[in-house]
N, C-alpha and C. Protein backbone atom coordinates (compact mmCIF):
# COMPACT_ATOMS: atom_id res chain seq x y z
N MET A 1 195.38 66.92 51.30
CA MET A 1 194.68 65.85 51.76
C MET A 1 193.45 65.68 50.50
N ASN A 2 193.03 64.70 50.39
CA ASN A 2 192.09 64.47 49.44
C ASN A 2 190.91 64.64 49.91
N THR A 3 189.63 64.69 49.16
CA THR A 3 188.22 64.86 49.55
C THR A 3 187.77 63.77 50.37
N LEU A 4 188.16 62.56 49.98
CA LEU A 4 187.67 61.27 50.81
C LEU A 4 188.13 61.48 52.05
N ALA A 5 189.38 61.74 52.45
CA ALA A 5 189.95 61.77 53.73
C ALA A 5 189.19 62.79 54.48
N LEU A 6 188.96 63.96 54.03
CA LEU A 6 188.21 65.16 54.62
C LEU A 6 186.89 64.65 55.33
N ILE A 7 186.06 63.82 54.17
CA ILE A 7 184.61 63.39 54.43
C ILE A 7 184.67 62.35 55.62
N LEU A 8 185.72 61.39 55.59
CA LEU A 8 185.75 60.25 56.51
C LEU A 8 186.24 60.96 57.99
N GLN A 9 186.94 62.05 58.05
CA GLN A 9 187.33 62.67 59.37
C GLN A 9 186.25 63.36 59.68
N ALA A 10 185.43 64.06 58.81
CA ALA A 10 184.22 64.67 59.36
C ALA A 10 182.98 63.83 59.90
N ALA A 11 183.05 62.64 59.42
CA ALA A 11 181.86 61.65 59.91
C ALA A 11 182.16 61.32 61.26
N PRO A 12 181.11 61.35 62.06
CA PRO A 12 181.25 60.78 63.59
C PRO A 12 181.35 59.54 63.75
N ALA A 13 182.30 59.09 64.68
CA ALA A 13 182.68 57.60 64.92
C ALA A 13 181.51 57.10 65.67
N GLY A 14 181.20 55.93 65.39
CA GLY A 14 180.06 55.26 65.98
C GLY A 14 178.84 55.29 65.45
N ASN A 15 177.67 55.09 66.23
CA ASN A 15 176.37 55.05 65.64
C ASN A 15 175.89 56.44 65.47
N ALA A 16 175.39 56.73 64.39
CA ALA A 16 175.04 58.10 64.03
C ALA A 16 173.39 58.11 64.20
N GLY A 17 172.69 57.18 64.86
CA GLY A 17 171.28 57.14 64.97
C GLY A 17 170.70 56.37 63.94
N GLY A 18 169.40 56.20 64.19
CA GLY A 18 168.57 55.29 63.41
C GLY A 18 168.41 55.59 62.01
N MET A 19 168.34 57.10 61.70
CA MET A 19 168.19 57.81 60.43
C MET A 19 169.65 57.76 59.68
N GLY A 20 170.52 57.76 60.53
CA GLY A 20 171.90 57.80 59.63
C GLY A 20 172.13 56.55 58.60
N ASN A 21 171.61 55.59 59.06
CA ASN A 21 171.81 54.18 58.29
C ASN A 21 171.02 54.22 56.86
N PHE A 22 169.92 55.19 56.80
CA PHE A 22 169.06 55.02 55.68
C PHE A 22 169.38 56.55 54.78
N SER A 23 170.28 57.37 55.17
CA SER A 23 170.37 58.48 54.43
C SER A 23 170.92 58.13 53.15
N GLY A 24 172.01 57.46 53.09
CA GLY A 24 172.37 56.98 51.60
C GLY A 24 171.38 56.31 50.70
N ILE A 25 170.55 55.47 51.14
CA ILE A 25 169.50 55.12 50.45
C ILE A 25 168.51 56.11 49.98
N ILE A 26 168.00 56.96 50.91
CA ILE A 26 167.22 58.11 50.62
C ILE A 26 167.74 59.05 49.51
N MET A 27 169.00 59.18 49.44
CA MET A 27 169.69 60.20 48.54
C MET A 27 169.49 59.31 47.25
N ILE A 28 169.81 58.11 47.19
CA ILE A 28 169.80 57.37 45.79
C ILE A 28 168.36 57.38 45.43
N VAL A 29 167.41 57.16 46.11
CA VAL A 29 166.06 57.22 45.64
C VAL A 29 165.76 58.57 45.17
N LEU A 30 166.14 59.51 45.85
CA LEU A 30 165.80 60.96 45.34
C LEU A 30 166.54 61.22 43.91
N LEU A 31 167.81 60.72 43.96
CA LEU A 31 168.55 60.83 42.56
C LEU A 31 167.69 60.36 41.43
N PHE A 32 167.12 59.12 41.67
CA PHE A 32 166.26 58.34 40.59
C PHE A 32 165.01 59.04 40.32
N VAL A 33 164.44 59.59 41.25
CA VAL A 33 163.12 60.39 41.16
C VAL A 33 163.43 61.60 40.26
N VAL A 34 164.43 62.40 40.55
CA VAL A 34 164.99 63.49 39.87
C VAL A 34 165.31 62.98 38.55
N PHE A 35 165.93 62.12 38.11
CA PHE A 35 166.27 61.54 36.87
C PHE A 35 165.01 61.24 36.11
N TYR A 36 164.13 60.71 36.71
CA TYR A 36 162.88 60.25 36.19
C TYR A 36 162.11 61.53 35.65
N PHE A 37 161.96 62.43 36.53
CA PHE A 37 161.10 63.68 36.06
C PHE A 37 161.79 64.57 35.23
N PHE A 38 162.90 64.68 35.20
CA PHE A 38 163.74 65.68 34.37
C PHE A 38 164.22 64.91 32.99
N MET A 39 164.37 63.52 32.90
CA MET A 39 165.11 62.86 31.79
C MET A 39 163.99 61.99 30.94
N ILE A 40 163.58 60.96 32.06
CA ILE A 40 163.08 59.85 31.35
C ILE A 40 161.59 60.23 31.01
N ARG A 41 160.77 60.91 31.80
CA ARG A 41 159.48 61.40 31.54
C ARG A 41 159.19 62.22 30.09
N PRO A 42 160.08 63.27 30.14
CA PRO A 42 159.89 64.21 28.99
C PRO A 42 160.29 63.32 27.61
N GLN A 43 161.22 62.51 27.60
CA GLN A 43 161.64 61.69 26.43
C GLN A 43 160.56 60.83 26.21
N SER A 44 160.02 60.08 27.11
CA SER A 44 158.88 59.25 26.80
C SER A 44 157.71 59.71 26.18
N LYS A 45 157.39 61.09 26.68
CA LYS A 45 156.42 61.77 26.24
C LYS A 45 156.46 62.41 24.78
N ARG A 46 157.78 62.73 24.40
CA ARG A 46 158.09 63.15 23.18
C ARG A 46 157.91 61.98 22.05
N GLN A 47 158.47 60.73 22.54
CA GLN A 47 158.40 59.64 21.58
C GLN A 47 156.85 59.18 21.53
N LYS A 48 156.05 59.56 22.44
CA LYS A 48 154.60 59.28 22.19
C LYS A 48 154.00 60.49 21.30
N GLU A 49 154.31 61.52 21.49
CA GLU A 49 154.02 62.44 20.35
C GLU A 49 154.38 62.30 18.92
N ILE A 50 155.41 61.86 18.89
CA ILE A 50 156.02 61.36 17.43
C ILE A 50 155.43 60.21 16.84
N LYS A 51 154.93 59.23 17.82
CA LYS A 51 154.19 57.92 17.33
C LYS A 51 152.80 58.53 17.04
N ASN A 52 152.09 59.33 17.69
CA ASN A 52 150.68 59.79 17.41
C ASN A 52 150.93 60.54 15.99
N PHE A 53 151.82 61.45 15.85
CA PHE A 53 151.88 62.18 14.62
C PHE A 53 152.23 61.15 13.31
N ARG A 54 152.90 60.18 13.55
CA ARG A 54 153.08 59.33 12.35
C ARG A 54 151.80 58.46 12.14
N ALA A 55 151.16 58.19 13.09
CA ALA A 55 149.77 57.65 12.81
C ALA A 55 148.79 58.49 12.35
N SER A 56 149.04 59.72 12.47
CA SER A 56 147.98 60.60 12.04
C SER A 56 148.34 61.35 10.56
N MET A 57 149.53 60.82 9.95
CA MET A 57 149.87 61.43 8.56
C MET A 57 148.80 61.19 7.79
N LYS A 58 148.56 62.00 6.60
CA LYS A 58 147.86 61.60 5.62
C LYS A 58 148.32 62.29 4.34
N VAL A 59 147.70 61.76 3.32
CA VAL A 59 148.32 62.14 1.91
C VAL A 59 147.85 63.82 1.93
N GLY A 60 148.77 64.40 1.16
CA GLY A 60 148.77 65.95 1.10
C GLY A 60 149.47 66.67 2.12
N ASP A 61 149.83 66.07 3.34
CA ASP A 61 150.46 66.84 4.36
C ASP A 61 152.03 67.14 3.97
N LYS A 62 152.25 68.43 4.29
CA LYS A 62 153.74 68.80 4.19
C LYS A 62 154.62 68.34 5.44
N VAL A 63 155.74 67.78 5.21
CA VAL A 63 156.51 67.08 5.99
C VAL A 63 157.93 67.43 5.99
N ILE A 64 158.68 67.28 6.96
CA ILE A 64 160.22 67.26 6.89
C ILE A 64 160.73 65.85 7.34
N THR A 65 161.69 65.42 6.74
CA THR A 65 162.27 64.13 7.01
C THR A 65 163.50 64.45 7.98
N SER A 66 164.15 63.38 8.66
CA SER A 66 165.12 63.54 9.48
C SER A 66 166.40 64.13 8.59
N GLY A 67 166.66 63.91 7.28
CA GLY A 67 167.77 64.32 6.59
C GLY A 67 167.45 65.87 6.20
N GLY A 68 166.11 66.41 6.57
CA GLY A 68 165.98 67.79 6.00
C GLY A 68 165.32 68.07 4.86
N ILE A 69 164.71 67.07 4.19
CA ILE A 69 163.92 67.27 3.08
C ILE A 69 162.70 67.38 3.25
N TYR A 70 162.26 68.58 2.67
CA TYR A 70 160.83 68.97 2.59
C TYR A 70 160.16 68.42 1.50
N GLY A 71 158.75 67.90 1.87
CA GLY A 71 157.95 67.52 0.49
C GLY A 71 156.79 67.33 1.07
N ARG A 72 155.77 66.86 0.19
CA ARG A 72 154.39 66.58 0.43
C ARG A 72 154.10 65.12 0.22
N ILE A 73 153.41 64.57 1.12
CA ILE A 73 153.00 63.18 1.01
C ILE A 73 152.10 62.82 -0.07
N LYS A 74 152.56 61.91 -1.06
CA LYS A 74 151.79 61.37 -1.98
C LYS A 74 151.17 60.03 -1.84
N GLU A 75 151.96 59.21 -0.97
CA GLU A 75 151.32 57.84 -0.83
C GLU A 75 151.89 57.42 0.44
N ILE A 76 151.05 56.87 1.33
CA ILE A 76 151.58 56.08 2.55
C ILE A 76 151.36 54.64 2.51
N ASN A 77 152.48 53.86 2.89
CA ASN A 77 152.32 52.41 3.06
C ASN A 77 152.59 52.11 4.53
N ASP A 78 152.75 50.74 4.98
CA ASP A 78 152.99 50.32 6.22
C ASP A 78 154.21 50.91 6.81
N ASP A 79 155.33 50.93 6.17
CA ASP A 79 156.68 51.12 6.49
C ASP A 79 157.33 52.27 5.68
N SER A 80 156.68 52.80 4.66
CA SER A 80 157.32 53.95 3.95
C SER A 80 156.30 54.95 3.51
N VAL A 81 156.93 56.19 3.19
CA VAL A 81 156.09 57.23 2.62
C VAL A 81 156.71 57.66 1.26
N LEU A 82 155.90 57.96 0.22
CA LEU A 82 156.28 58.72 -1.03
C LEU A 82 156.09 60.11 -0.85
N LEU A 83 157.13 60.76 -0.93
CA LEU A 83 157.26 62.20 -0.96
C LEU A 83 157.46 62.93 -2.27
N GLU A 84 156.62 63.86 -2.60
CA GLU A 84 156.95 64.67 -3.71
C GLU A 84 157.73 65.83 -3.28
N ILE A 85 158.94 65.85 -3.60
CA ILE A 85 159.75 67.14 -3.25
C ILE A 85 159.85 68.40 -4.30
N ASP A 86 159.52 68.16 -5.35
CA ASP A 86 159.32 69.08 -6.57
C ASP A 86 158.59 68.40 -7.62
N GLU A 87 158.02 69.10 -8.61
CA GLU A 87 157.29 68.55 -9.55
C GLU A 87 157.76 67.37 -10.36
N ASN A 88 157.16 66.20 -10.30
CA ASN A 88 157.69 64.95 -10.96
C ASN A 88 158.92 64.45 -10.15
N VAL A 89 159.15 64.82 -9.07
CA VAL A 89 160.37 64.42 -8.38
C VAL A 89 159.76 63.84 -7.03
N ARG A 90 159.96 62.39 -7.02
CA ARG A 90 159.31 61.71 -5.82
C ARG A 90 160.42 60.78 -5.15
N VAL A 91 160.36 60.78 -4.10
CA VAL A 91 161.25 59.87 -3.05
C VAL A 91 160.56 59.04 -2.14
N ARG A 92 161.09 58.01 -1.94
CA ARG A 92 160.37 56.84 -0.86
C ARG A 92 161.30 57.11 0.29
N VAL A 93 160.76 57.27 1.29
CA VAL A 93 161.55 57.43 2.56
C VAL A 93 160.87 56.36 3.64
N ASP A 94 161.73 56.03 4.61
CA ASP A 94 161.07 55.11 5.63
C ASP A 94 160.10 56.08 6.59
N LYS A 95 159.01 55.39 6.86
CA LYS A 95 158.10 56.20 7.68
C LYS A 95 158.64 56.67 9.05
N ASN A 96 159.72 56.04 9.58
CA ASN A 96 160.31 56.38 10.78
C ASN A 96 161.27 57.69 10.74
N SER A 97 161.59 58.10 9.37
CA SER A 97 162.42 59.18 9.24
C SER A 97 161.61 60.48 9.04
N VAL A 98 160.42 60.52 9.09
CA VAL A 98 159.51 61.76 9.11
C VAL A 98 159.20 61.99 10.63
N PHE A 99 159.62 63.32 10.69
CA PHE A 99 159.49 63.78 12.09
C PHE A 99 158.70 64.99 12.36
N ALA A 100 158.43 65.78 11.49
CA ALA A 100 157.72 67.12 11.81
C ALA A 100 156.79 67.41 10.41
N THR A 101 155.83 68.19 10.62
CA THR A 101 155.16 68.83 9.59
C THR A 101 155.80 70.02 9.24
N ALA A 102 155.76 70.68 7.94
CA ALA A 102 156.47 71.72 7.52
C ALA A 102 155.82 72.87 7.98
N SER A 103 154.56 72.86 8.50
CA SER A 103 154.03 74.02 9.12
C SER A 103 154.32 74.24 10.62
N ASP A 104 155.01 73.11 11.03
CA ASP A 104 155.54 73.27 12.63
C ASP A 104 156.85 74.20 12.65
N THR A 105 157.39 74.19 11.54
CA THR A 105 158.80 74.76 11.52
C THR A 105 158.63 75.91 10.60
N GLN A 106 159.69 76.55 10.52
CA GLN A 106 159.97 77.72 9.60
C GLN A 106 160.23 77.11 8.13
N SER A 107 159.82 77.60 7.07
CA SER A 107 160.22 77.21 5.81
C SER A 107 161.34 77.69 5.35
N PRO A 108 162.00 77.21 4.50
CA PRO A 108 163.24 77.40 4.10
C PRO A 108 163.31 78.65 3.22
N LYS A 109 164.43 79.61 3.19
CA LYS A 109 164.39 80.77 2.43
C LYS A 109 164.69 80.63 1.05
């Protein structure tokens, strides 16, 4: 027998009472509440932290890009950042690709 057949046989025939009609709706609502607190809320909180970090970047900060490039900010424009990754080696990257300060993570060996 499959699982659906077992569930249908176990369900009482007839009216299960006033609360039985709403139990499916309550379970769906509870499922959405759990998804909100465990998935949606932490993700939106993290996005807010990243947005605040990007707004607070200043010249001289050591940062890491999404591609793993460590560098020091030399110039900040509206949509790009000029990073100095070594002496006289500068790279312009999109501002959205900068995720963390180098002090927040371990430096490479």
